[in-house]
Amino acid sequence: MGKIQAGEIEQEIEQFLADLDRAWPGGYTAVLIGSAARGQYLPGWSDINMLLILPEITPEALRAARQPLQRWRERAEALPLLFDADEWHRSNDAYPLEIVEMQTGYKVLRGHDPVGGMHVRPAYLRTALERELRGKLMRLRQGYALFAPGSEKLTGFLLNSASSVLLLCRGLLVLSGEPVPTDPPAIVAAAGRVAGFPPDAVARVIARRGDRSWRCTEEEVGGYLAAVQTAARFVDHFQIGART
């Protein structure tokens, strides 16, 4: 994960944006999204995620930004999402889960706010959530079948899924019309109340992100898989009704 320490985030972002200002003097929009925007960045674990929108993305524009993007990838070990303005405005059906995830925590760094006004139809969000939850459940089952409980490999498998499971919990709350807390344990607890799963196992795994010395127990793995399965079933049976 990223090499940037928590106290270096603002400086590194400003350097990156200053480089982009020179590369794209015609203007662009930059939005900080994810854990860094929420103040929950974990050095050595979290990525620094950014959305960049240009009026038009041409080969010339990409070439002009090559060096800033290469440097950013070296420092943050992540690349921004790149959209042109028309693509972004038409993306709510293609990226419903990603958009509502951005809306739960973002910071506009350059240009106007492209996130807050985006409307995602609940039907699109429900479909994306079910697809991602069922895919996550399938991969977790594969990992559980391959790796022994308590092993470093299975623990790493669970930990690597934790951020995406947290994202899915936020999406589930948005779909249900529930407020989305800021604190990760509170997000899991709220999702558990809505979907009907005990949150303890998921909360313990999420709390251990970045702790490579921790080893999961058989009970924690079983509870984690059961929570994801229950969440997938909840979304599958979710009735949108007139909100479509």
C-alpha atoms as a PDB file:
ATOM      1  CA  MET A   1       0.000   0.000   0.000  1.00  0.00           C
ATOM      2  CA  GLY A   2       0.927   3.655  -0.075  1.00  0.00           C
ATOM      3  CA  LYS A   3       4.229   4.920   1.280  1.00  0.00           C
ATOM      4  CA  ILE A   4       2.750   8.238   2.400  1.00  0.00           C
ATOM      5  CA  GLN A   5       2.460   8.819   6.136  1.00  0.00           C
ATOM      6  CA  ALA A   6      -0.625  10.417   7.661  1.00  0.00           C
ATOM      7  CA  GLY A   7       1.117  13.727   8.309  1.00  0.00           C
ATOM      8  CA  GLU A   8       2.356  13.915   4.718  1.00  0.00           C
ATOM      9  CA  ILE A   9      -0.991  13.528   2.938  1.00  0.00           C
ATOM     10  CA  GLU A  10      -1.820  17.207   2.498  1.00  0.00           C
ATOM     11  CA  GLN A  11       1.668  18.103   1.284  1.00  0.00           C
ATOM     12  CA  GLU A  12       1.804  15.211  -1.183  1.00  0.00           C
ATOM     13  CA  ILE A  13      -1.649  16.004  -2.569  1.00  0.00           C
ATOM     14  CA  GLU A  14      -0.799  19.684  -3.020  1.00  0.00           C
ATOM     15  CA  GLN A  15       2.397  18.771  -4.869  1.00  0.00           C
ATOM     16  CA  PHE A  16       0.460  16.426  -7.140  1.00  0.00           C
ATOM     17  CA  LEU A  17      -2.188  19.040  -7.865  1.00  0.00           C
ATOM     18  CA  ALA A  18       0.448  21.700  -8.522  1.00  0.00           C
ATOM     19  CA  ASP A  19       1.998  19.356 -11.098  1.00  0.00           C
ATOM     20  CA  LEU A  20      -1.422  18.799 -12.683  1.00  0.00           C
ATOM     21  CA  ASP A  21      -2.105  22.544 -12.727  1.00  0.00           C
ATOM     22  CA  ARG A  22       0.926  22.931 -14.981  1.00  0.00           C
ATOM     23  CA  ALA A  23       0.011  19.912 -17.096  1.00  0.00           C
ATOM     24  CA  TRP A  24      -3.634  20.960 -17.529  1.00  0.00           C
ATOM     25  CA  PRO A  25      -3.695  24.781 -17.515  1.00  0.00           C
ATOM     26  CA  GLY A  26      -7.167  24.743 -19.055  1.00  0.00           C
ATOM     27  CA  GLY A  27      -8.626  23.504 -15.796  1.00  0.00           C
ATOM     28  CA  TYR A  28      -9.911  20.262 -14.325  1.00  0.00           C
ATOM     29  CA  THR A  29     -11.836  18.940 -11.336  1.00  0.00           C
ATOM     30  CA  ALA A  30     -10.113  16.987  -8.563  1.00  0.00           C
ATOM     31  CA  VAL A  31     -11.939  15.245  -5.702  1.00  0.00           C
ATOM     32  CA  LEU A  32     -10.360  13.384  -2.799  1.00  0.00           C
ATOM     33  CA  ILE A  33     -12.416  10.279  -1.985  1.00  0.00           C
ATOM     34  CA  GLY A  34     -12.222   7.331   0.381  1.00  0.00           C
ATOM     35  CA  SER A  35     -10.417   6.975   3.706  1.00  0.00           C
ATOM     36  CA  ALA A  36      -8.170  10.021   3.254  1.00  0.00           C
ATOM     37  CA  ALA A  37     -11.216  12.241   2.678  1.00  0.00           C
ATOM     38  CA  ARG A  38     -12.847  10.800   5.815  1.00  0.00           C
ATOM     39  CA  GLY A  39      -9.756  11.286   7.977  1.00  0.00           C
ATOM     40  CA  GLN A  40      -9.407   7.500   8.363  1.00  0.00           C
ATOM     41  CA  TYR A  41      -6.228   6.925   6.337  1.00  0.00           C
ATOM     42  CA  LEU A  42      -4.080   4.064   7.661  1.00  0.00           C
ATOM     43  CA  PRO A  43      -0.415   4.376   6.579  1.00  0.00           C
ATOM     44  CA  GLY A  44       0.850   1.222   4.916  1.00  0.00           C
ATOM     45  CA  TRP A  45      -2.698  -0.006   4.390  1.00  0.00           C
ATOM     46  CA  SER A  46      -4.979   2.633   2.867  1.00  0.00           C
ATOM     47  CA  ASP A  47      -4.784   4.066  -0.628  1.00  0.00           C
ATOM     48  CA  ILE A  48      -5.182   7.769  -1.320  1.00  0.00           C
ATOM     49  CA  ASN A  49      -7.999   7.785  -3.846  1.00  0.00           C
ATOM     50  CA  MET A  50      -8.812  10.647  -6.159  1.00  0.00           C
ATOM     51  CA  LEU A  51     -11.291  11.423  -8.935  1.00  0.00           C
ATOM     52  CA  LEU A  52     -10.094  13.621 -11.816  1.00  0.00           C
ATOM     53  CA  ILE A  53     -12.500  15.030 -14.402  1.00  0.00           C
ATOM     54  CA  LEU A  54     -11.418  16.935 -17.492  1.00  0.00           C
ATOM     55  CA  PRO A  55     -13.626  18.672 -20.060  1.00  0.00           C
ATOM     56  CA  GLU A  56     -12.181  16.228 -22.595  1.00  0.00           C
ATOM     57  CA  ILE A  57      -9.579  13.465 -22.254  1.00  0.00           C
ATOM     58  CA  THR A  58      -7.287  13.360 -25.256  1.00  0.00           C
ATOM     59  CA  PRO A  59      -4.009  11.534 -25.843  1.00  0.00           C
ATOM     60  CA  GLU A  60      -2.325  14.935 -25.570  1.00  0.00           C
ATOM     61  CA  ALA A  61      -3.850  15.548 -22.136  1.00  0.00           C
ATOM     62  CA  LEU A  62      -2.725  12.139 -20.928  1.00  0.00           C
ATOM     63  CA  ARG A  63       0.794  12.657 -22.211  1.00  0.00           C
ATOM     64  CA  ALA A  64       0.974  16.042 -20.508  1.00  0.00           C
ATOM     65  CA  ALA A  65       0.100  14.431 -17.169  1.00  0.00           C
ATOM     66  CA  ARG A  66       2.383  11.426 -17.543  1.00  0.00           C
ATOM     67  CA  GLN A  67       5.116  12.587 -15.179  1.00  0.00           C
ATOM     68  CA  PRO A  68       2.742  13.787 -12.402  1.00  0.00           C
ATOM     69  CA  LEU A  69       0.812  10.503 -12.615  1.00  0.00           C
ATOM     70  CA  GLN A  70       3.999   8.437 -12.563  1.00  0.00           C
ATOM     71  CA  ARG A  71       5.248  10.301  -9.505  1.00  0.00           C
ATOM     72  CA  TRP A  72       1.872   9.961  -7.759  1.00  0.00           C
ATOM     73  CA  ARG A  73       1.763   6.243  -8.446  1.00  0.00           C
ATOM     74  CA  GLU A  74       5.250   5.875  -6.979  1.00  0.00           C
ATOM     75  CA  ARG A  75       4.310   7.795  -3.822  1.00  0.00           C
ATOM     76  CA  ALA A  76       0.690   6.725  -3.290  1.00  0.00           C
ATOM     77  CA  GLU A  77       0.806   3.365  -5.111  1.00  0.00           C
ATOM     78  CA  ALA A  78      -2.570   4.221  -6.627  1.00  0.00           C
ATOM     79  CA  LEU A  79      -3.793   6.018  -9.712  1.00  0.00           C
ATOM     80  CA  PRO A  80      -6.713   8.469  -9.849  1.00  0.00           C
ATOM     81  CA  LEU A  81      -9.979   7.709 -11.596  1.00  0.00           C
ATOM     82  CA  LEU A  82     -10.017   9.592 -14.911  1.00  0.00           C
ATOM     83  CA  PHE A  83     -13.263  10.741 -16.558  1.00  0.00           C
ATOM     84  CA  ASP A  84     -14.183  13.357 -19.077  1.00  0.00           C
ATOM     85  CA  ALA A  85     -17.155  15.529 -18.119  1.00  0.00           C
ATOM     86  CA  ASP A  86     -19.687  13.786 -20.339  1.00  0.00           C
ATOM     87  CA  GLU A  87     -18.603  10.307 -19.219  1.00  0.00           C
ATOM     88  CA  TRP A  88     -18.940  11.317 -15.584  1.00  0.00           C
ATOM     89  CA  HIS A  89     -22.430  12.772 -15.965  1.00  0.00           C
ATOM     90  CA  ARG A  90     -23.565   9.557 -17.687  1.00  0.00           C
ATOM     91  CA  SER A  91     -21.905   7.158 -15.231  1.00  0.00           C
ATOM     92  CA  ASN A  92     -24.595   6.800 -12.558  1.00  0.00           C
ATOM     93  CA  ASP A  93     -25.970   3.624 -14.119  1.00  0.00           C
ATOM     94  CA  ALA A  94     -22.533   2.064 -14.681  1.00  0.00           C
ATOM     95  CA  TYR A  95     -20.974   2.908 -11.290  1.00  0.00           C
ATOM     96  CA  PRO A  96     -23.873   3.255  -8.820  1.00  0.00           C
ATOM     97  CA  LEU A  97     -22.069   1.700  -5.864  1.00  0.00           C
ATOM     98  CA  GLU A  98     -18.892   3.684  -6.445  1.00  0.00           C
ATOM     99  CA  ILE A  99     -20.818   6.951  -6.689  1.00  0.00           C
ATOM    100  CA  VAL A 100     -22.812   6.483  -3.480  1.00  0.00           C
ATOM    101  CA  GLU A 101     -19.569   5.439  -1.788  1.00  0.00           C
ATOM    102  CA  MET A 102     -17.981   8.717  -2.880  1.00  0.00           C
ATOM    103  CA  GLN A 103     -21.006  10.614  -1.573  1.00  0.00           C
ATOM    104  CA  THR A 104     -20.457   9.218   1.932  1.00  0.00           C
ATOM    105  CA  GLY A 105     -17.115  11.030   2.173  1.00  0.00           C
ATOM    106  CA  TYR A 106     -15.327  13.322  -0.283  1.00  0.00           C
ATOM    107  CA  LYS A 107     -13.484  16.638  -0.520  1.00  0.00           C
ATOM    108  CA  VAL A 108     -13.392  18.865  -3.605  1.00  0.00           C
ATOM    109  CA  LEU A 109      -9.817  20.016  -4.258  1.00  0.00           C
ATOM    110  CA  ARG A 110     -10.119  21.688  -7.663  1.00  0.00           C
ATOM    111  CA  GLY A 111     -13.107  22.848  -9.688  1.00  0.00           C
ATOM    112  CA  HIS A 112     -16.778  22.376  -8.879  1.00  0.00           C
ATOM    113  CA  ASP A 113     -18.480  19.630  -6.872  1.00  0.00           C
ATOM    114  CA  PRO A 114     -19.263  16.768  -9.295  1.00  0.00           C
ATOM    115  CA  VAL A 115     -20.282  14.247  -6.631  1.00  0.00           C
ATOM    116  CA  GLY A 116     -22.965  15.705  -4.400  1.00  0.00           C
ATOM    117  CA  GLY A 117     -25.499  16.288  -7.160  1.00  0.00           C
ATOM    118  CA  MET A 118     -25.216  12.868  -8.783  1.00  0.00           C
ATOM    119  CA  HIS A 119     -28.431  10.841  -8.488  1.00  0.00           C
ATOM    120  CA  VAL A 120     -28.244   7.052  -8.388  1.00  0.00           C
ATOM    121  CA  ARG A 121     -31.432   5.084  -8.929  1.00  0.00           C
ATOM    122  CA  PRO A 122     -32.020   2.595  -6.093  1.00  0.00           C
ATOM    123  CA  ALA A 123     -32.602  -0.182  -8.617  1.00  0.00           C
ATOM    124  CA  TYR A 124     -29.100   0.326 -10.039  1.00  0.00           C
ATOM    125  CA  LEU A 125     -27.607   0.362  -6.552  1.00  0.00           C
ATOM    126  CA  ARG A 126     -29.448  -2.781  -5.455  1.00  0.00           C
ATOM    127  CA  THR A 127     -28.223  -4.716  -8.485  1.00  0.00           C
ATOM    128  CA  ALA A 128     -24.624  -3.584  -8.010  1.00  0.00           C
ATOM    129  CA  LEU A 129     -24.710  -4.368  -4.296  1.00  0.00           C
ATOM    130  CA  GLU A 130     -26.053  -7.865  -4.818  1.00  0.00           C
ATOM    131  CA  ARG A 131     -23.470  -8.597  -7.508  1.00  0.00           C
ATOM    132  CA  GLU A 132     -20.593  -7.386  -5.318  1.00  0.00           C
ATOM    133  CA  LEU A 133     -21.817  -9.103  -2.148  1.00  0.00           C
ATOM    134  CA  ARG A 134     -22.328 -12.432  -3.901  1.00  0.00           C
ATOM    135  CA  GLY A 135     -18.941 -12.135  -5.576  1.00  0.00           C
ATOM    136  CA  LYS A 136     -17.311 -11.330  -2.241  1.00  0.00           C
ATOM    137  CA  LEU A 137     -19.040 -14.280  -0.588  1.00  0.00           C
ATOM    138  CA  MET A 138     -17.859 -16.647  -3.315  1.00  0.00           C
ATOM    139  CA  ARG A 139     -14.240 -15.488  -2.964  1.00  0.00           C
ATOM    140  CA  LEU A 140     -14.365 -15.736   0.833  1.00  0.00           C
ATOM    141  CA  ARG A 141     -15.679 -19.287   0.581  1.00  0.00           C
ATOM    142  CA  GLN A 142     -12.846 -20.162  -1.777  1.00  0.00           C
ATOM    143  CA  GLY A 143     -10.302 -18.735   0.639  1.00  0.00           C
ATOM    144  CA  TYR A 144     -11.832 -20.551   3.592  1.00  0.00           C
ATOM    145  CA  ALA A 145     -11.722 -23.831   1.675  1.00  0.00           C
ATOM    146  CA  LEU A 146      -8.064 -23.332   0.736  1.00  0.00           C
ATOM    147  CA  PHE A 147      -6.509 -21.930   3.893  1.00  0.00           C
ATOM    148  CA  ALA A 148      -6.576 -23.205   7.470  1.00  0.00           C
ATOM    149  CA  PRO A 149      -8.312 -21.046  10.129  1.00  0.00           C
ATOM    150  CA  GLY A 150      -5.775 -19.164  12.197  1.00  0.00           C
ATOM    151  CA  SER A 151      -3.221 -19.272   9.398  1.00  0.00           C
ATOM    152  CA  GLU A 152      -1.422 -16.232   8.080  1.00  0.00           C
ATOM    153  CA  LYS A 153      -2.852 -16.823   4.603  1.00  0.00           C
ATOM    154  CA  LEU A 154      -6.493 -16.969   5.678  1.00  0.00           C
ATOM    155  CA  THR A 155      -6.068 -13.996   8.004  1.00  0.00           C
ATOM    156  CA  GLY A 156      -4.516 -11.993   5.172  1.00  0.00           C
ATOM    157  CA  PHE A 157      -7.368 -13.066   2.913  1.00  0.00           C
ATOM    158  CA  LEU A 158      -9.919 -11.723   5.393  1.00  0.00           C
ATOM    159  CA  LEU A 159      -8.005  -8.513   6.060  1.00  0.00           C
ATOM    160  CA  ASN A 160      -7.663  -7.792   2.356  1.00  0.00           C
ATOM    161  CA  SER A 161     -11.455  -8.033   2.022  1.00  0.00           C
ATOM    162  CA  ALA A 162     -12.211  -5.746   4.973  1.00  0.00           C
ATOM    163  CA  SER A 163     -12.191  -2.392   3.170  1.00  0.00           C
ATOM    164  CA  SER A 164     -14.503  -3.627   0.412  1.00  0.00           C
ATOM    165  CA  VAL A 165     -16.876  -5.214   2.969  1.00  0.00           C
ATOM    166  CA  LEU A 166     -16.986  -1.869   4.771  1.00  0.00           C
ATOM    167  CA  LEU A 167     -17.805  -0.180   1.450  1.00  0.00           C
ATOM    168  CA  LEU A 168     -20.632  -2.679   0.902  1.00  0.00           C
ATOM    169  CA  CYS A 169     -22.002  -1.972   4.380  1.00  0.00           C
ATOM    170  CA  ARG A 170     -22.127   1.730   3.546  1.00  0.00           C
ATOM    171  CA  GLY A 171     -23.873   0.966   0.267  1.00  0.00           C
ATOM    172  CA  LEU A 172     -26.403  -1.232   2.065  1.00  0.00           C
ATOM    173  CA  LEU A 173     -27.245   1.620   4.436  1.00  0.00           C
ATOM    174  CA  VAL A 174     -27.649   4.079   1.554  1.00  0.00           C
ATOM    175  CA  LEU A 175     -29.953   1.624  -0.253  1.00  0.00           C
ATOM    176  CA  SER A 176     -32.043   1.260   2.894  1.00  0.00           C
ATOM    177  CA  GLY A 177     -32.344   5.008   3.372  1.00  0.00           C
ATOM    178  CA  GLU A 178     -30.434   4.861   6.651  1.00  0.00           C
ATOM    179  CA  PRO A 179     -27.849   7.425   7.796  1.00  0.00           C
ATOM    180  CA  VAL A 180     -24.252   6.325   7.270  1.00  0.00           C
ATOM    181  CA  PRO A 181     -22.069   6.781  10.364  1.00  0.00           C
ATOM    182  CA  THR A 182     -18.477   7.930  10.027  1.00  0.00           C
ATOM    183  CA  ASP A 183     -16.874   5.455  12.421  1.00  0.00           C
ATOM    184  CA  PRO A 184     -16.266   1.976  10.881  1.00  0.00           C
ATOM    185  CA  PRO A 185     -17.562  -0.046  13.890  1.00  0.00           C
ATOM    186  CA  ALA A 186     -20.724   2.061  13.888  1.00  0.00           C
ATOM    187  CA  ILE A 187     -21.167   1.453  10.142  1.00  0.00           C
ATOM    188  CA  VAL A 188     -20.936  -2.312  10.641  1.00  0.00           C
ATOM    189  CA  ALA A 189     -23.292  -2.206  13.630  1.00  0.00           C
ATOM    190  CA  ALA A 190     -25.856  -0.175  11.664  1.00  0.00           C
ATOM    191  CA  ALA A 191     -25.619  -2.499   8.646  1.00  0.00           C
ATOM    192  CA  GLY A 192     -26.027  -5.493  10.937  1.00  0.00           C
ATOM    193  CA  ARG A 193     -29.201  -4.035  12.456  1.00  0.00           C
ATOM    194  CA  VAL A 194     -30.670  -3.333   9.019  1.00  0.00           C
ATOM    195  CA  ALA A 195     -29.683  -6.618   7.333  1.00  0.00           C
ATOM    196  CA  GLY A 196     -30.024  -8.866  10.379  1.00  0.00           C
ATOM    197  CA  PHE A 197     -26.480 -10.122  10.969  1.00  0.00           C
ATOM    198  CA  PRO A 198     -24.430 -10.026  14.212  1.00  0.00           C
ATOM    199  CA  PRO A 199     -21.754  -7.395  13.564  1.00  0.00           C
ATOM    200  CA  ASP A 200     -19.064  -8.595  15.978  1.00  0.00           C
ATOM    201  CA  ALA A 201     -16.995 -10.791  13.635  1.00  0.00           C
ATOM    202  CA  VAL A 202     -16.975  -8.225  10.833  1.00  0.00           C
ATOM    203  CA  ALA A 203     -16.153  -5.401  13.255  1.00  0.00           C
ATOM    204  CA  ARG A 204     -13.193  -7.350  14.658  1.00  0.00           C
ATOM    205  CA  VAL A 205     -11.728  -7.999  11.210  1.00  0.00           C
ATOM    206  CA  ILE A 206     -12.174  -4.366  10.160  1.00  0.00           C
ATOM    207  CA  ALA A 207     -10.576  -3.165  13.398  1.00  0.00           C
ATOM    208  CA  ARG A 208      -7.498  -5.286  12.627  1.00  0.00           C
ATOM    209  CA  ARG A 209      -6.751  -3.690   9.255  1.00  0.00           C
ATOM    210  CA  GLY A 210      -3.056  -2.977   9.143  1.00  0.00           C
ATOM    211  CA  ASP A 211      -2.263  -5.393  12.012  1.00  0.00           C
ATOM    212  CA  ARG A 212      -0.292  -8.136  10.303  1.00  0.00           C
ATOM    213  CA  SER A 213       0.418  -9.896  13.612  1.00  0.00           C
ATOM    214  CA  TRP A 214      -3.251 -10.773  14.211  1.00  0.00           C
ATOM    215  CA  ARG A 215      -4.584 -14.242  13.408  1.00  0.00           C
ATOM    216  CA  CYS A 216      -8.283 -14.984  12.904  1.00  0.00           C
ATOM    217  CA  THR A 217     -10.107 -17.741  14.769  1.00  0.00           C
ATOM    218  CA  GLU A 218     -12.473 -20.343  13.353  1.00  0.00           C
ATOM    219  CA  GLU A 219     -15.385 -18.559  15.018  1.00  0.00           C
ATOM    220  CA  GLU A 220     -14.423 -15.195  13.517  1.00  0.00           C
ATOM    221  CA  VAL A 221     -14.131 -16.618  10.009  1.00  0.00           C
ATOM    222  CA  GLY A 222     -17.512 -18.335  10.310  1.00  0.00           C
ATOM    223  CA  GLY A 223     -19.168 -15.198  11.648  1.00  0.00           C
ATOM    224  CA  TYR A 224     -17.614 -13.063   8.922  1.00  0.00           C
ATOM    225  CA  LEU A 225     -18.826 -15.351   6.120  1.00  0.00           C
ATOM    226  CA  ALA A 226     -22.283 -15.620   7.690  1.00  0.00           C
ATOM    227  CA  ALA A 227     -22.559 -11.825   7.878  1.00  0.00           C
ATOM    228  CA  VAL A 228     -21.688 -11.380   4.206  1.00  0.00           C
ATOM    229  CA  GLN A 229     -24.132 -14.146   3.251  1.00  0.00           C
ATOM    230  CA  THR A 230     -26.926 -12.537   5.296  1.00  0.00           C
ATOM    231  CA  ALA A 231     -26.204  -9.117   3.774  1.00  0.00           C
ATOM    232  CA  ALA A 232     -26.341 -10.603   0.262  1.00  0.00           C
ATOM    233  CA  ARG A 233     -29.671 -12.275   1.024  1.00  0.00           C
ATOM    234  CA  PHE A 234     -31.057  -9.031   2.453  1.00  0.00           C
ATOM    235  CA  VAL A 235     -30.143  -7.071  -0.676  1.00  0.00           C
ATOM    236  CA  ASP A 236     -31.494  -9.843  -2.907  1.00  0.00           C
ATOM    237  CA  HIS A 237     -34.905  -9.597  -1.218  1.00  0.00           C
ATOM    238  CA  PHE A 238     -34.891  -5.814  -0.796  1.00  0.00           C
ATOM    239  CA  GLN A 239     -38.092  -4.250  -2.125  1.00  0.00           C
ATOM    240  CA  ILE A 240     -37.570  -0.852  -3.732  1.00  0.00           C
ATOM    241  CA  GLY A 241     -41.188  -0.253  -4.767  1.00  0.00           C
ATOM    242  CA  ALA A 242     -41.984   3.293  -5.799  1.00  0.00           C
ATOM    243  CA  ARG A 243     -38.386   4.428  -5.335  1.00  0.00           C
ATOM    244  CA  THR A 244     -37.353   2.936  -8.669  1.00  0.00           C
END
